């Protein structure tokens, strides 16, 4: 699975905001820190497949829709 540039970061951020979730709330739900979510959304960190799976569950979407 290849993460394409900044596209997935924008999709993740847009989906999170559409659900009125803060980075902190999403982080708490997936068992990570707000800083980790911030770094993913800024493209400074590539999430593991496990974390991406947890995020997609909380955002009620598929991993593919984020990629």
Protein backbone atom coordinates (compact mmCIF):
# COMPACT_ATOMS: atom_id res chain seq x y z
CA UNK A 1 0.00 0.00 0.00
CA UNK A 2 1.48 3.32 -1.04
CA UNK A 3 0.64 6.59 0.65
CA UNK A 4 0.43 9.28 -2.01
CA UNK A 5 2.09 12.51 -1.01
CA UNK A 6 -0.07 15.01 0.83
CA UNK A 7 -3.34 13.73 -0.58
CA UNK A 8 -4.06 11.24 2.20
CA UNK A 9 -3.21 13.84 4.83
CA UNK A 10 -5.79 16.26 3.46
CA UNK A 11 -8.42 13.53 3.21
CA UNK A 12 -7.80 12.48 6.80
CA UNK A 13 -8.01 16.06 8.06
CA UNK A 14 -11.15 16.81 6.03
CA UNK A 15 -12.89 13.66 7.27
CA UNK A 16 -11.93 14.39 10.89
CA UNK A 17 -13.27 17.94 10.62
CA UNK A 18 -16.47 16.75 8.91
CA UNK A 19 -17.13 14.64 12.01
CA UNK A 20 -16.34 17.61 14.29
CA UNK A 21 -13.44 15.77 15.90
CA UNK A 22 -10.41 17.61 17.21
CA UNK A 23 -6.99 16.11 16.78
CA UNK A 24 -6.97 15.46 20.54
CA UNK A 25 -10.31 13.63 20.48
CA UNK A 26 -9.29 11.47 17.52
CA UNK A 27 -5.96 10.73 19.16
CA UNK A 28 -7.64 9.63 22.39
CA UNK A 29 -10.00 7.36 20.48
CA UNK A 30 -7.20 5.62 18.59
CA UNK A 31 -4.77 5.43 21.50
CA UNK A 32 -2.15 7.92 20.41
CA UNK A 33 -1.27 11.55 21.07
CA UNK A 34 -2.57 14.75 19.54
CA UNK A 35 0.97 15.45 18.39
CA UNK A 36 0.99 12.20 16.40
CA UNK A 37 -2.24 13.13 14.62
CA UNK A 38 -0.84 16.62 13.94
CA UNK A 39 2.36 15.13 12.51
CA UNK A 40 0.38 12.76 10.26
CA UNK A 41 -1.81 15.60 8.98
CA UNK A 42 1.28 17.77 8.32
CA UNK A 43 3.07 14.96 6.49
CA UNK A 44 5.81 14.65 9.06
CA UNK A 45 4.87 11.11 10.05
CA UNK A 46 3.63 8.19 8.02
CA UNK A 47 1.14 6.23 10.11
CA UNK A 48 1.59 2.51 10.57
CA UNK A 49 -1.01 0.30 8.95
CA UNK A 50 -2.33 -0.53 12.41
CA UNK A 51 -2.80 3.15 13.30
CA UNK A 52 -4.31 3.91 9.90
CA UNK A 53 -6.80 1.08 10.47
CA UNK A 54 -7.80 2.50 13.87
CA UNK A 55 -8.17 5.98 12.41
CA UNK A 56 -10.35 4.74 9.57
CA UNK A 57 -12.62 2.93 12.04
CA UNK A 58 -13.03 6.11 14.13
CA UNK A 59 -13.64 8.21 11.01
CA UNK A 60 -16.18 5.62 9.80
CA UNK A 61 -14.49 5.14 6.45
CA UNK A 62 -12.26 2.66 4.70
CA UNK A 63 -8.49 2.92 4.58
CA UNK A 64 -8.79 3.10 0.79
CA UNK A 65 -11.01 6.17 0.99
CA UNK A 66 -8.28 7.95 2.96
CA UNK A 67 -5.62 6.97 0.46
